[in-house]
Amino acid sequence: MLAQLLETHQHEFAAVLPVDLNAPDVARLDFSATNPLLQDADLRDTPAFEALVARLLEAKNAHIGVGGYLENRVIYRRSNLFSTPDTAAPSRSLHLGVDVWLRAGTPVMAPLDAVVHSVQDNDNFGDYGPTVILQHQLEDTVFYTLYGHLTRRETLLLRPGMAVEKGEVFTEVGPAPENGDWPPHLHFQVISDMLGLEGDFPGVALPAEREKWAALCPDPNLILQSQWL
C-alpha cells in the first residue's frame, strides 16, 4: 500500500516548497461549510476570495495557510466544473490534495527524483490552470505527485520524460487568473494510479466516493510532514 511505503521512507523526502510548514506563522484553514465566514462570501469574485484568504490568515496570525485533504468543501460552488446539469445530483466537493496558500512566484521543488509524466494547462475557471505531474519510484512501486495552479511560463518549459532531481525547482506557484483564477496557492496531490490520464487528474471527488479516492490518493502530508495538517 502506497501510504505505508511513504511512511516508511518519510526521512528521504525533500521539501516541496522553500518554507517551513511547521513554523508558527503557518495555520490550517477551514473551507468547509462549518466556517461561518464562507456562508455569504462571493467566491466567484477572485479578488474578494483572495481578501477572504488574507482575513482567515490574519485571524490566526499566519502568513501561510495549509489544509484540505479529504475536506468536504463549499468553495467549489464557485465553478460549474464540479457540478452536473442535473441540480438534484450531488456535486464534487471532497478535496483529494493539500493546498498551501502562499504568494505567487514561490518556487516548487521535487520531493524525490522524478521524471515529468505530463504537463497541461487546464485553462478553465476554477480548474488547475498550469499543471505538472511527476512520476517517482520507491522500492518497486511507481507513484505520482500532482502540482496545480502554477505559472504558465515556467510550466510550459517542461516536457514529458524530462528528469527532475530531488530538491530541484521545476516550476512556481502561479498568480490569478492564469492559475485557474484562484487566490495563489499550490495544490499538491499524491496519486497511486493515473488511471490512464495525462496532464490532469481529479482533485475533487464526490463525498460518497471518499473510500475509493482516499485509497487512490493517500495523504500528501506523508511527504509534506507539517504539524498543522
Protein backbone atom coordinates (compact mmCIF):
# COMPACT_ATOMS: atom_id res chain seq x y z
CA MET A 1 0.00 0.00 0.00
CA LEU A 2 1.42 3.37 -1.07
CA ALA A 3 0.60 5.16 2.20
CA GLN A 4 2.64 2.63 4.19
CA LEU A 5 5.54 2.89 1.74
CA LEU A 6 5.59 6.70 2.01
CA GLU A 7 5.52 6.46 5.79
CA THR A 8 8.49 4.08 5.73
CA HIS A 9 10.51 6.47 3.55
CA GLN A 10 9.48 9.75 5.22
CA HIS A 11 13.05 10.66 6.11
CA GLU A 12 14.03 10.68 2.41
CA PHE A 13 11.75 13.44 1.11
CA ALA A 14 12.96 16.91 0.22
CA ALA A 15 10.79 19.98 0.82
CA VAL A 16 8.23 20.76 -1.88
CA LEU A 17 8.30 24.49 -1.04
CA PRO A 18 11.12 26.70 0.34
CA VAL A 19 9.16 27.46 3.51
CA ASP A 20 8.92 25.76 6.89
CA LEU A 21 5.45 24.22 7.04
CA ASN A 22 5.94 23.61 10.76
CA ALA A 23 6.59 27.28 11.56
CA PRO A 24 4.32 29.24 13.93
CA ASP A 25 3.19 31.54 11.09
CA VAL A 26 1.54 28.59 9.29
CA ALA A 27 -2.11 27.82 10.07
CA ARG A 28 -4.71 25.32 8.97
CA LEU A 29 -7.53 26.95 7.01
CA ASP A 30 -11.08 25.62 7.04
CA PHE A 31 -13.05 25.76 3.78
CA SER A 32 -15.88 23.50 4.90
CA ALA A 33 -19.49 24.54 5.45
CA THR A 34 -18.81 24.82 9.18
CA ASN A 35 -16.81 28.03 8.63
CA PRO A 36 -19.33 30.91 9.01
CA LEU A 37 -17.10 33.32 7.06
CA LEU A 38 -17.77 31.32 3.89
CA GLN A 39 -21.54 31.30 4.04
CA ASP A 40 -22.11 34.67 2.40
CA ALA A 41 -18.79 35.00 0.56
CA ASP A 42 -18.83 35.70 -3.19
CA LEU A 43 -16.34 33.01 -4.16
CA ARG A 44 -16.72 33.67 -7.88
CA ASP A 45 -15.08 37.05 -7.34
CA THR A 46 -11.40 36.07 -7.17
CA PRO A 47 -10.12 39.33 -5.59
CA ALA A 48 -12.82 39.01 -2.91
CA PHE A 49 -11.84 35.36 -2.39
CA GLU A 50 -8.20 36.40 -2.07
CA ALA A 51 -9.18 39.02 0.52
CA LEU A 52 -11.08 36.31 2.41
CA VAL A 53 -7.97 34.09 2.48
CA ALA A 54 -5.99 37.05 3.83
CA ARG A 55 -8.59 37.56 6.58
CA LEU A 56 -8.52 33.88 7.52
CA LEU A 57 -4.72 34.03 7.80
CA GLU A 58 -4.77 37.29 9.75
CA ALA A 59 -7.24 35.82 12.25
CA LYS A 60 -4.65 33.14 13.03
CA ASN A 61 -1.60 35.46 12.93
CA ALA A 62 -0.35 33.44 9.97
CA HIS A 63 1.27 34.17 6.62
CA ILE A 64 0.81 30.72 5.05
CA GLY A 65 -2.31 28.54 5.05
CA VAL A 66 -2.46 24.77 4.72
CA GLY A 67 -5.17 22.15 4.69
CA GLY A 68 -7.80 20.45 2.66
CA TYR A 69 -7.04 16.74 2.48
CA LEU A 70 -10.39 14.88 2.42
CA GLU A 71 -12.12 18.10 3.47
CA ASN A 72 -15.71 18.41 2.26
CA ARG A 73 -15.60 21.97 0.95
CA VAL A 74 -18.09 24.61 -0.07
CA ILE A 75 -15.65 26.65 -2.17
CA TYR A 76 -16.24 24.59 -5.32
CA ARG A 77 -19.65 26.17 -5.75
CA ARG A 78 -17.70 28.98 -7.49
CA SER A 79 -17.29 26.90 -10.66
CA ASN A 80 -19.58 24.72 -12.77
CA LEU A 81 -16.69 22.28 -13.22
CA PHE A 82 -17.70 20.47 -10.05
CA SER A 83 -21.43 20.14 -10.62
CA THR A 84 -23.70 18.48 -13.16
CA PRO A 85 -26.54 19.98 -15.21
CA ASP A 86 -28.89 17.94 -13.02
CA THR A 87 -29.28 20.21 -9.99
CA ALA A 88 -30.57 17.28 -7.93
CA ALA A 89 -27.35 15.34 -8.44
CA PRO A 90 -24.57 15.71 -5.86
CA SER A 91 -21.61 17.95 -6.69
CA ARG A 92 -17.97 17.06 -6.23
CA SER A 93 -16.72 18.72 -3.05
CA LEU A 94 -14.27 16.29 -1.38
CA HIS A 95 -10.73 17.63 -1.77
CA LEU A 96 -8.08 15.00 -2.58
CA GLY A 97 -4.90 17.01 -2.09
CA VAL A 98 -3.36 19.53 0.26
CA ASP A 99 -3.49 23.23 -0.55
CA VAL A 100 -0.71 25.55 0.57
CA TRP A 101 -1.88 29.17 0.37
CA LEU A 102 1.11 31.44 -0.17
CA ARG A 103 2.41 34.10 -2.54
CA ALA A 104 2.58 33.67 -6.31
CA GLY A 105 6.11 33.15 -7.58
CA THR A 106 7.10 30.79 -4.76
CA PRO A 107 9.38 28.06 -6.20
CA VAL A 108 8.10 24.47 -6.29
CA MET A 109 10.58 21.62 -5.84
CA ALA A 110 10.56 17.86 -6.37
CA PRO A 111 10.36 15.81 -3.14
CA LEU A 112 12.17 12.88 -4.80
CA ASP A 113 13.99 12.16 -8.04
CA ALA A 114 11.38 12.10 -10.79
CA VAL A 115 10.60 12.24 -14.46
CA VAL A 116 7.92 14.52 -15.84
CA HIS A 117 4.90 12.31 -16.52
CA SER A 118 2.78 15.01 -18.15
CA VAL A 119 2.13 18.75 -18.35
CA GLN A 120 -1.08 20.54 -19.27
CA ASP A 121 -2.69 23.95 -18.99
CA ASN A 122 -6.15 23.15 -17.62
CA ASP A 123 -7.38 26.57 -18.59
CA ASN A 124 -10.94 26.74 -17.22
CA PHE A 125 -12.37 28.96 -14.49
CA GLY A 126 -11.84 27.13 -11.20
CA ASP A 127 -9.62 24.46 -12.76
CA TYR A 128 -5.94 23.68 -12.03
CA GLY A 129 -4.54 26.08 -14.61
CA PRO A 130 -0.97 25.01 -15.48
CA THR A 131 -0.43 21.53 -14.06
CA VAL A 132 2.59 19.24 -13.70
CA ILE A 133 2.50 15.54 -12.83
CA LEU A 134 5.77 13.90 -11.76
CA GLN A 135 6.45 10.17 -11.75
CA HIS A 136 8.51 8.65 -8.93
CA GLN A 137 9.64 5.21 -7.83
CA LEU A 138 10.19 3.94 -4.28
CA GLU A 139 11.42 0.36 -4.00
CA ASP A 140 9.38 -1.39 -6.71
CA THR A 141 6.42 1.00 -6.55
CA VAL A 142 5.73 3.71 -9.11
CA PHE A 143 3.59 6.63 -7.99
CA TYR A 144 2.86 10.22 -8.96
CA THR A 145 2.68 13.71 -7.50
CA LEU A 146 0.47 16.41 -8.99
CA TYR A 147 1.09 20.17 -8.74
CA GLY A 148 -1.73 22.53 -9.71
CA HIS A 149 -2.24 26.31 -10.02
CA LEU A 150 1.24 27.02 -11.37
CA THR A 151 2.86 29.72 -13.50
CA ARG A 152 2.31 29.31 -17.21
CA ARG A 153 5.80 30.47 -18.27
CA GLU A 154 7.78 28.04 -16.10
CA THR A 155 5.44 25.09 -16.54
CA LEU A 156 5.41 25.22 -20.33
CA LEU A 157 9.20 24.76 -20.38
CA LEU A 158 8.71 21.18 -19.15
CA ARG A 159 8.27 18.13 -21.37
CA PRO A 160 7.23 14.53 -20.58
CA GLY A 161 10.25 12.36 -19.87
CA MET A 162 12.43 15.19 -18.55
CA ALA A 163 14.39 14.23 -15.43
CA VAL A 164 13.88 16.30 -12.28
CA GLU A 165 16.27 15.79 -9.39
CA LYS A 166 15.20 15.62 -5.75
CA GLY A 167 15.10 19.19 -4.39
CA GLU A 168 15.24 20.77 -7.86
CA VAL A 169 13.00 23.77 -8.60
CA PHE A 170 10.88 22.90 -11.64
CA THR A 171 8.05 25.45 -11.55
CA GLU A 172 6.43 28.21 -9.45
CA VAL A 173 3.11 28.92 -7.75
CA GLY A 174 1.02 30.90 -10.21
CA PRO A 175 -0.99 34.12 -9.95
CA ALA A 176 -4.63 34.64 -10.87
CA PRO A 177 -6.06 34.42 -13.46
CA GLU A 178 -3.56 32.09 -15.16
CA ASN A 179 -3.64 29.63 -12.22
CA GLY A 180 -7.27 28.68 -12.89
CA ASP A 181 -8.37 32.03 -11.40
CA TRP A 182 -7.77 31.22 -7.74
CA PRO A 183 -6.08 33.08 -4.90
CA PRO A 184 -2.43 31.97 -5.19
CA HIS A 185 -1.82 28.52 -3.75
CA LEU A 186 -0.25 25.18 -4.58
CA HIS A 187 -2.47 22.12 -4.90
CA PHE A 188 -0.27 19.11 -4.05
CA GLN A 189 -1.64 15.61 -4.50
CA VAL A 190 -0.24 12.07 -4.32
CA ILE A 191 -1.61 9.52 -6.79
CA SER A 192 -1.04 5.77 -6.85
CA ASP A 193 -2.58 5.11 -10.29
CA MET A 194 -3.11 7.70 -13.04
CA LEU A 195 -6.00 5.65 -14.49
CA GLY A 196 -4.68 6.32 -17.97
CA LEU A 197 -4.92 10.11 -17.61
CA GLU A 198 -2.28 12.65 -18.59
CA GLY A 199 -1.90 16.29 -17.56
CA ASP A 200 -4.98 16.19 -15.37
CA PHE A 201 -6.46 14.09 -12.58
CA PRO A 202 -9.48 14.63 -10.32
CA GLY A 203 -8.56 16.79 -7.35
CA VAL A 204 -12.12 16.92 -6.05
CA ALA A 205 -14.45 13.93 -5.73
CA LEU A 206 -17.96 13.03 -4.67
CA PRO A 207 -18.17 12.70 -0.87
CA ALA A 208 -19.91 9.34 -1.29
CA GLU A 209 -16.78 8.01 -3.03
CA ARG A 210 -14.41 9.01 -0.22
CA GLU A 211 -13.05 5.49 0.42
CA LYS A 212 -12.25 4.84 -3.25
CA TRP A 213 -10.42 8.13 -3.78
CA ALA A 214 -8.60 8.06 -0.43
CA ALA A 215 -7.09 4.73 -1.48
CA LEU A 216 -6.00 6.16 -4.85
CA CYS A 217 -4.73 9.43 -3.34
CA PRO A 218 -3.08 8.93 0.07
CA ASP A 219 -2.42 11.80 2.47
CA PRO A 220 0.09 14.27 0.94
CA ASN A 221 1.26 15.13 4.45
CA LEU A 222 3.19 11.86 4.42
CA ILE A 223 5.53 13.87 2.16
CA LEU A 224 4.95 17.44 3.40
CA GLN A 225 5.19 16.47 7.10
CA SER A 226 3.56 19.62 8.51
CA GLN A 227 2.42 19.62 12.14
CA TRP A 228 -0.59 21.70 11.09
CA LEU A 229 -2.01 19.01 8.81
